Amino acid sequence: MPVATDPLRGPRPDDEPRAAGPPVVVTGADTALGREVVARLREAGPVVALGAGGGAGGRSVDLATADLKPLFEGAEVVVHVGTPSGAALDEASAAASADVAIAQRVLDAAGDVDAAHVVVLSSATVYGAWANNAMPLTEDATLRPVPELALAVQRAEIERRVAEWRQAHPGKTATVLRPVPVVGGDAASDGLARALHAARRVADIEGDPPAQFLHVDDLAAAIALAAVVRIDGARNVAPDGWLRGAEYTALDAGTPKVRLPAKIGDRISRLRWKLGLAPTPPGLVAYARHPWVVANDRLRADGWEPEHSNEEAFVLGTPATALATLSPRRRQEIALGVTGAVGAAALGGAAWAVVRHLRRRP
């Protein structure tokens, strides 16, 4: 008898009827990640796809205002993909707080319809980026998000609310997934990956921290697995190992890197953010300076296997630049020139700030 492979349940005969079962509700179905999650889950059974713009054969829903209970009715599993990771990096962004409120509404609706399991997307940024971080970080590590980074703080708050939901609903289970920066799909690298990439181009003289990159398809596979197997607890989502500083620099050969002392680099990063010249809020600088790589052992033990390495994900998610065609010596010359220009700009900016302050004095 011919056998077809079900990506979630393993081999099955072609003519074996598939039990319909209760539906799985997926939010964020209109994102690149959401569409891939829905496609994978439909291999296992019916899916109710919800998204701000519809998508994936679903319906358009505003999670912030809609009555979610009727939409979740009958669901056994609720998967909250929500907004793409990195959508709210700015500490002043209202979107960050909105993410927490929406997650709470989804959890409340899941409880109202007596769903047995929820899957919620968090971020590896909840561990924080600190000089004394273990390498790699496991799920047992204390969550220490950098206070200035809204994404990390709000994801940690969402995790706290998932834990409260779990305690308030005995017998129910919940998965929290903590992916590293995600690249690929039509997101063309999510906001977090893009911002970190920009931040690393103004690097400390001391060196570069290790980095990890996760392909969107591998994250979708992890979410689908968590929904079907009903993994209970937190899981890191990352490829095996990580890119060391030199490896990252080699892959990013098309872009000159400016190396400056940390204090000057901080000032320049803040100035670039304030002027809209870079997508890197001040709170993200620590994540480009200190290690925060994670282990994937537990998710692998659950049956997940990444199809893309860190290197492959980085290359697939990072567009090549014209500088990549230049010789290493020429790129170095450009980098030195950029360093001088940036240093001069920093000094000029500092002088301007002093003059402005003096003019304001009575």
Protein backbone atom coordinates (compact mmCIF):
# COMPACT_ATOMS: atom_id res chain seq x y z
CA MET A 1 0.00 0.00 0.00
CA PRO A 2 1.43 3.44 -0.87
CA VAL A 3 2.42 5.44 2.14
CA ALA A 4 2.36 9.24 2.46
CA THR A 5 4.30 11.18 5.05
CA ASP A 6 2.40 13.41 7.43
CA PRO A 7 4.86 16.03 8.68
CA LEU A 8 3.27 16.01 12.13
CA ARG A 9 2.12 12.44 12.65
CA GLY A 10 4.59 10.38 10.61
CA PRO A 11 3.84 7.81 7.86
CA ARG A 12 0.21 6.87 7.16
CA PRO A 13 -1.51 4.92 4.38
CA ASP A 14 -2.89 7.08 1.56
CA ASP A 15 -6.39 5.73 1.93
CA GLU A 16 -6.53 6.00 5.72
CA PRO A 17 -9.35 8.38 6.65
CA ARG A 18 -8.26 11.36 8.71
CA ALA A 19 -10.35 12.07 11.77
CA ALA A 20 -11.76 15.58 11.63
CA GLY A 21 -11.50 16.28 15.36
CA PRO A 22 -11.98 19.67 16.96
CA PRO A 23 -10.40 22.61 15.16
CA VAL A 24 -7.19 24.39 16.07
CA VAL A 25 -7.52 28.18 16.21
CA VAL A 26 -4.52 30.12 14.87
CA THR A 27 -4.16 33.88 15.28
CA GLY A 28 -1.83 35.92 13.10
CA ALA A 29 -2.72 33.79 10.08
CA ASP A 30 -2.06 36.71 7.73
CA THR A 31 1.68 36.86 8.50
CA ALA A 32 4.36 34.85 6.69
CA LEU A 33 4.80 32.76 9.83
CA GLY A 34 1.06 32.37 10.39
CA ARG A 35 0.42 31.16 6.86
CA GLU A 36 3.11 28.50 7.20
CA VAL A 37 1.76 27.38 10.58
CA VAL A 38 -1.77 27.07 9.21
CA ALA A 39 -0.55 25.06 6.21
CA ARG A 40 1.28 22.60 8.47
CA LEU A 41 -1.56 22.23 10.94
CA ARG A 42 -4.06 21.55 8.15
CA GLU A 43 -2.07 18.41 7.45
CA ALA A 44 -3.27 17.19 10.85
CA GLY A 45 -6.85 18.45 10.94
CA PRO A 46 -9.21 21.42 10.65
CA VAL A 47 -7.93 24.92 11.39
CA VAL A 48 -9.70 28.19 12.09
CA ALA A 49 -7.34 30.87 10.73
CA LEU A 50 -7.68 34.40 12.10
CA GLY A 51 -5.70 37.45 10.99
CA ALA A 52 -5.95 41.20 10.73
CA GLY A 53 -6.03 40.85 6.94
CA GLY A 54 -7.58 37.42 6.68
CA GLY A 55 -4.98 35.27 4.93
CA ALA A 56 -4.43 31.50 4.80
CA GLY A 57 -8.08 31.00 3.87
CA GLY A 58 -9.17 32.55 7.15
CA ARG A 59 -11.19 35.52 8.27
CA SER A 60 -10.20 39.08 9.06
CA VAL A 61 -10.38 39.77 12.80
CA ASP A 62 -9.17 42.60 15.03
CA LEU A 63 -7.92 40.70 18.06
CA ALA A 64 -7.88 43.90 20.10
CA THR A 65 -11.62 44.55 19.80
CA ALA A 66 -13.47 41.49 18.46
CA ASP A 67 -15.53 39.15 20.61
CA LEU A 68 -13.20 36.15 20.44
CA LYS A 69 -15.25 33.56 22.29
CA PRO A 70 -17.59 32.74 19.35
CA LEU A 71 -14.57 32.46 17.07
CA PHE A 72 -12.81 30.06 19.44
CA GLU A 73 -15.89 27.97 20.22
CA GLY A 74 -15.19 24.24 19.97
CA ALA A 75 -11.42 24.65 19.72
CA GLU A 76 -9.28 22.12 21.52
CA VAL A 77 -6.05 24.03 20.88
CA VAL A 78 -5.43 27.78 20.49
CA VAL A 79 -2.20 28.93 18.81
CA HIS A 80 -1.40 32.60 19.33
CA VAL A 81 1.10 33.58 16.66
CA GLY A 82 -0.04 37.17 17.07
CA THR A 83 2.09 39.96 15.69
CA PRO A 84 5.48 39.16 14.14
CA SER A 85 8.39 39.12 16.59
CA GLY A 86 10.02 42.51 16.72
CA ALA A 87 6.95 44.47 15.71
CA ALA A 88 7.32 46.65 18.81
CA LEU A 89 10.99 47.24 19.65
CA ASP A 90 10.72 50.83 20.83
CA GLU A 91 10.35 51.29 24.57
CA ALA A 92 7.86 54.09 23.86
CA SER A 93 5.80 52.09 21.37
CA ALA A 94 2.12 51.62 22.17
CA ALA A 95 2.22 48.44 20.09
CA ALA A 96 4.28 46.72 22.77
CA SER A 97 1.60 47.21 25.43
CA ALA A 98 -1.07 46.28 22.89
CA ASP A 99 0.63 42.92 22.36
CA VAL A 100 0.21 42.11 26.07
CA ALA A 101 -3.43 43.14 26.08
CA ILE A 102 -4.16 41.06 22.97
CA ALA A 103 -2.41 38.02 24.41
CA GLN A 104 -4.54 38.35 27.54
CA ARG A 105 -7.73 38.51 25.45
CA VAL A 106 -6.66 35.36 23.59
CA LEU A 107 -5.95 33.55 26.86
CA ASP A 108 -9.28 34.64 28.33
CA ALA A 109 -11.17 33.41 25.26
CA ALA A 110 -9.29 30.10 25.33
CA GLY A 111 -10.34 29.66 28.94
CA ASP A 112 -13.94 30.61 28.18
CA VAL A 113 -14.27 27.87 25.53
CA ASP A 114 -12.44 25.36 27.74
CA ALA A 115 -9.56 24.83 25.31
CA ALA A 116 -7.22 22.10 26.50
CA HIS A 117 -3.98 23.62 25.25
CA VAL A 118 -2.55 26.97 24.19
CA VAL A 119 0.63 27.80 22.28
CA VAL A 120 2.04 31.30 22.70
CA LEU A 121 4.98 32.84 20.87
CA SER A 122 7.51 34.63 23.05
CA SER A 123 11.15 35.53 22.28
CA ALA A 124 14.62 34.49 23.41
CA THR A 125 15.19 38.16 24.27
CA VAL A 126 13.40 37.47 27.58
CA TYR A 127 16.68 36.03 28.91
CA GLY A 128 18.35 39.39 28.49
CA ALA A 129 21.79 40.09 27.08
CA TRP A 130 24.32 40.19 29.92
CA ALA A 131 28.06 39.65 30.14
CA ASN A 132 27.61 36.83 32.69
CA ASN A 133 25.06 34.84 30.67
CA ALA A 134 25.65 31.11 30.40
CA MET A 135 26.48 29.75 26.93
CA PRO A 136 24.09 28.40 25.92
CA LEU A 137 21.09 29.47 27.97
CA THR A 138 18.59 26.73 28.83
CA GLU A 139 14.92 27.04 29.67
CA ASP A 140 15.87 26.89 33.37
CA ALA A 141 17.71 30.22 33.17
CA THR A 142 16.17 33.17 34.99
CA LEU A 143 14.37 35.64 32.75
CA ARG A 144 16.29 38.94 32.89
CA PRO A 145 15.10 41.06 29.94
CA VAL A 146 16.96 44.30 29.33
CA PRO A 147 14.55 46.89 30.81
CA GLU A 148 14.96 49.35 27.94
CA LEU A 149 13.86 46.86 25.27
CA ALA A 150 10.07 46.83 25.06
CA LEU A 151 9.94 43.58 23.07
CA ALA A 152 11.81 41.63 25.76
CA VAL A 153 9.92 43.14 28.69
CA GLN A 154 6.50 42.65 27.13
CA ARG A 155 7.23 39.07 26.05
CA ALA A 156 8.29 38.27 29.61
CA GLU A 157 5.02 39.77 30.84
CA ILE A 158 3.07 37.65 28.35
CA GLU A 159 4.88 34.56 29.66
CA ARG A 160 3.87 35.50 33.20
CA ARG A 161 0.24 35.70 32.12
CA VAL A 162 0.46 32.33 30.39
CA ALA A 163 1.73 30.86 33.67
CA GLU A 164 -1.23 32.42 35.48
CA TRP A 165 -3.62 30.95 32.89
CA ARG A 166 -2.05 27.54 33.39
CA GLN A 167 -2.48 27.75 37.16
CA ALA A 168 -6.07 28.97 36.85
CA HIS A 169 -7.01 26.06 34.57
CA PRO A 170 -5.96 22.79 36.23
CA GLY A 171 -5.51 19.96 33.77
CA LYS A 172 -4.82 22.31 30.87
CA THR A 173 -1.41 22.67 29.24
CA ALA A 174 0.48 25.53 27.61
CA THR A 175 3.54 25.90 25.39
CA VAL A 176 5.68 29.03 25.39
CA LEU A 177 8.15 29.18 22.51
CA ARG A 178 11.24 31.40 22.71
CA PRO A 179 12.70 31.79 19.21
CA VAL A 180 15.96 33.54 18.42
CA PRO A 181 15.84 36.25 15.69
CA VAL A 182 13.75 34.97 12.78
CA VAL A 183 14.59 35.49 9.11
CA GLY A 184 13.08 34.42 5.80
CA GLY A 185 9.61 34.45 4.31
CA ASP A 186 8.04 37.62 2.97
CA ALA A 187 8.99 39.37 6.21
CA ALA A 188 12.48 39.83 4.69
CA SER A 189 13.94 39.37 8.17
CA ASP A 190 11.76 40.37 11.10
CA GLY A 191 12.25 43.68 12.89
CA LEU A 192 14.43 42.14 15.59
CA ALA A 193 16.84 40.51 13.13
CA ARG A 194 17.11 43.67 11.04
CA ALA A 195 17.72 45.88 14.05
CA LEU A 196 20.36 43.57 15.50
CA HIS A 197 22.08 43.41 12.15
CA ALA A 198 22.24 47.20 12.05
CA ALA A 199 23.45 47.40 15.65
CA ARG A 200 26.33 45.01 15.02
CA ARG A 201 27.67 47.31 12.32
CA VAL A 202 28.65 49.74 15.09
CA ALA A 203 30.58 47.23 17.20
CA ASP A 204 32.69 47.46 20.33
CA ILE A 205 36.45 47.36 19.96
CA GLU A 206 36.55 44.40 22.35
CA GLY A 207 34.85 42.02 19.89
CA ASP A 208 31.54 40.54 18.76
CA PRO A 209 29.16 38.26 20.67
CA PRO A 210 27.90 34.99 19.18
CA ALA A 211 24.61 35.09 17.28
CA GLN A 212 21.80 32.78 16.19
CA PHE A 213 19.29 33.03 13.33
CA LEU A 214 16.16 30.92 12.87
CA HIS A 215 14.45 30.38 9.53
CA VAL A 216 10.73 31.13 9.58
CA ASP A 217 9.90 27.64 8.28
CA ASP A 218 11.70 26.03 11.23
CA LEU A 219 9.77 28.21 13.66
CA ALA A 220 6.51 27.25 11.95
CA ALA A 221 7.44 23.58 12.34
CA ALA A 222 8.10 24.12 16.05
CA ILE A 223 4.74 25.84 16.55
CA ALA A 224 2.86 23.10 14.69
CA LEU A 225 4.63 20.41 16.69
CA ALA A 226 3.81 22.15 19.99
CA ALA A 227 0.14 22.33 18.99
CA VAL A 228 -0.16 18.70 17.91
CA VAL A 229 1.99 17.07 20.59
CA ARG A 230 0.78 19.57 23.20
CA ILE A 231 4.14 20.30 24.72
CA ASP A 232 3.77 21.63 28.24
CA GLY A 233 6.23 24.32 29.28
CA ALA A 234 8.76 26.68 27.73
CA ARG A 235 10.97 25.70 24.80
CA ASN A 236 13.82 27.53 23.10
CA VAL A 237 13.70 27.53 19.31
CA ALA A 238 17.08 27.83 17.59
CA PRO A 239 19.31 25.93 15.18
CA ASP A 240 22.15 23.84 16.57
CA GLY A 241 25.03 25.91 17.89
CA TRP A 242 25.66 29.53 16.97
CA LEU A 243 27.71 31.87 14.82
CA ARG A 244 30.83 33.20 16.49
CA GLY A 245 31.84 36.80 15.90
CA ALA A 246 34.35 36.01 13.17
CA GLU A 247 31.89 33.72 11.38
CA TYR A 248 29.19 36.39 11.49
CA THR A 249 31.60 38.98 10.13
CA ALA A 250 32.66 36.66 7.32
CA LEU A 251 29.05 36.05 6.28
CA ASP A 252 28.37 39.78 6.39
CA ALA A 253 31.40 40.54 4.25
CA GLY A 254 29.49 42.98 2.09
CA THR A 255 29.15 45.58 4.83
CA PRO A 256 31.95 47.54 6.55
CA LYS A 257 31.89 47.40 10.35
CA VAL A 258 32.64 50.44 12.48
CA ARG A 259 34.54 49.64 15.69
CA LEU A 260 34.34 52.18 18.49
CA PRO A 261 34.64 52.29 22.29
CA ALA A 262 31.38 51.28 23.97
CA LYS A 263 30.46 54.75 25.26
CA ILE A 264 30.92 56.39 21.86
CA GLY A 265 29.09 53.52 20.18
CA ASP A 266 26.16 53.97 22.57
CA ARG A 267 25.92 57.67 21.78
CA ILE A 268 26.06 57.07 18.06
CA SER A 269 23.44 54.32 18.26
CA ARG A 270 21.09 56.60 20.17
CA LEU A 271 21.65 59.40 17.68
CA ARG A 272 21.03 57.12 14.69
CA TRP A 273 17.81 55.88 16.30
CA LYS A 274 16.62 59.40 17.17
CA LEU A 275 17.25 60.64 13.64
CA GLY A 276 15.61 57.61 12.06
CA LEU A 277 18.86 56.47 10.45
CA ALA A 278 18.81 52.97 11.98
CA PRO A 279 16.11 50.57 13.27
CA THR A 280 18.03 50.03 16.51
CA PRO A 281 16.47 51.40 19.72
CA PRO A 282 18.89 51.99 22.62
CA GLY A 283 17.58 48.96 24.51
CA LEU A 284 18.75 46.64 21.75
CA VAL A 285 22.41 47.67 21.93
CA ALA A 286 23.09 45.24 24.78
CA TYR A 287 21.83 42.38 22.60
CA ALA A 288 24.46 43.28 19.99
CA ARG A 289 27.15 43.45 22.66
CA HIS A 290 26.62 40.52 25.07
CA PRO A 291 25.89 36.80 24.53
CA TRP A 292 22.34 35.42 24.72
CA VAL A 293 22.48 32.24 22.62
CA VAL A 294 20.16 29.39 23.62
CA ALA A 295 20.14 25.59 23.68
CA ASN A 296 17.55 23.62 21.69
CA ASP A 297 17.94 20.23 23.40
CA ARG A 298 14.45 20.08 24.90
CA LEU A 299 12.63 20.93 21.69
CA ARG A 300 14.77 18.41 19.82
CA ALA A 301 13.80 15.78 22.40
CA ASP A 302 10.15 16.58 21.61
CA GLY A 303 10.79 15.64 17.98
CA TRP A 304 11.68 18.95 16.33
CA GLU A 305 14.60 19.16 13.91
CA PRO A 306 15.72 22.39 12.22
CA GLU A 307 16.11 22.22 8.45
CA HIS A 308 18.33 25.29 8.30
CA SER A 309 21.57 26.03 10.11
CA ASN A 310 22.41 29.47 11.51
CA GLU A 311 24.56 30.12 8.46
CA GLU A 312 21.86 29.09 6.00
CA ALA A 313 19.20 31.13 7.77
CA PHE A 314 21.45 34.19 7.85
CA VAL A 315 22.30 33.97 4.15
CA LEU A 316 18.70 33.30 3.11
CA GLY A 317 17.39 36.18 5.20
CA THR A 318 20.05 38.80 4.48
CA PRO A 319 20.07 40.44 1.03
CA ALA A 320 23.48 40.75 -0.59
CA THR A 321 24.95 44.22 -0.91
CA ALA A 322 27.03 45.78 -3.67
CA LEU A 323 29.98 45.88 -1.27
CA ALA A 324 30.08 42.08 -1.26
CA THR A 325 31.72 42.19 -4.70
CA LEU A 326 34.66 44.31 -3.46
CA SER A 327 37.98 42.94 -2.28
CA PRO A 328 38.57 42.52 1.47
CA ARG A 329 41.19 45.31 1.36
CA ARG A 330 38.79 47.73 -0.30
CA ARG A 331 36.06 46.90 2.23
CA GLN A 332 38.56 47.57 5.03
CA GLU A 333 39.44 50.95 3.51
CA ILE A 334 35.75 51.84 3.35
CA ALA A 335 35.25 50.71 6.93
CA LEU A 336 38.12 52.92 8.12
CA GLY A 337 36.65 55.85 6.22
CA VAL A 338 33.23 55.25 7.73
CA THR A 339 34.76 55.01 11.20
CA GLY A 340 36.38 58.41 10.76
CA ALA A 341 33.20 59.96 9.44
CA VAL A 342 31.10 58.50 12.24
CA GLY A 343 33.59 59.68 14.84
CA ALA A 344 33.55 63.17 13.39
CA ALA A 345 29.75 63.13 13.34
CA ALA A 346 29.68 62.06 16.98
CA LEU A 347 32.00 64.89 17.99
CA GLY A 348 29.98 67.34 15.94
CA GLY A 349 26.78 66.14 17.55
CA ALA A 350 28.27 66.51 21.02
CA ALA A 351 29.47 70.04 20.24
CA TRP A 352 26.04 70.97 18.90
CA ALA A 353 24.42 69.66 22.08
CA VAL A 354 26.76 71.75 24.26
CA VAL A 355 26.09 74.91 22.23
CA ARG A 356 22.36 74.31 22.38
CA HIS A 357 22.54 73.87 26.16
CA LEU A 358 24.51 77.10 26.61
CA ARG A 359 22.05 79.05 24.48
CA ARG A 360 19.18 77.90 26.66
CA ARG A 361 20.87 79.16 29.84
CA PRO A 362 19.57 82.51 31.09
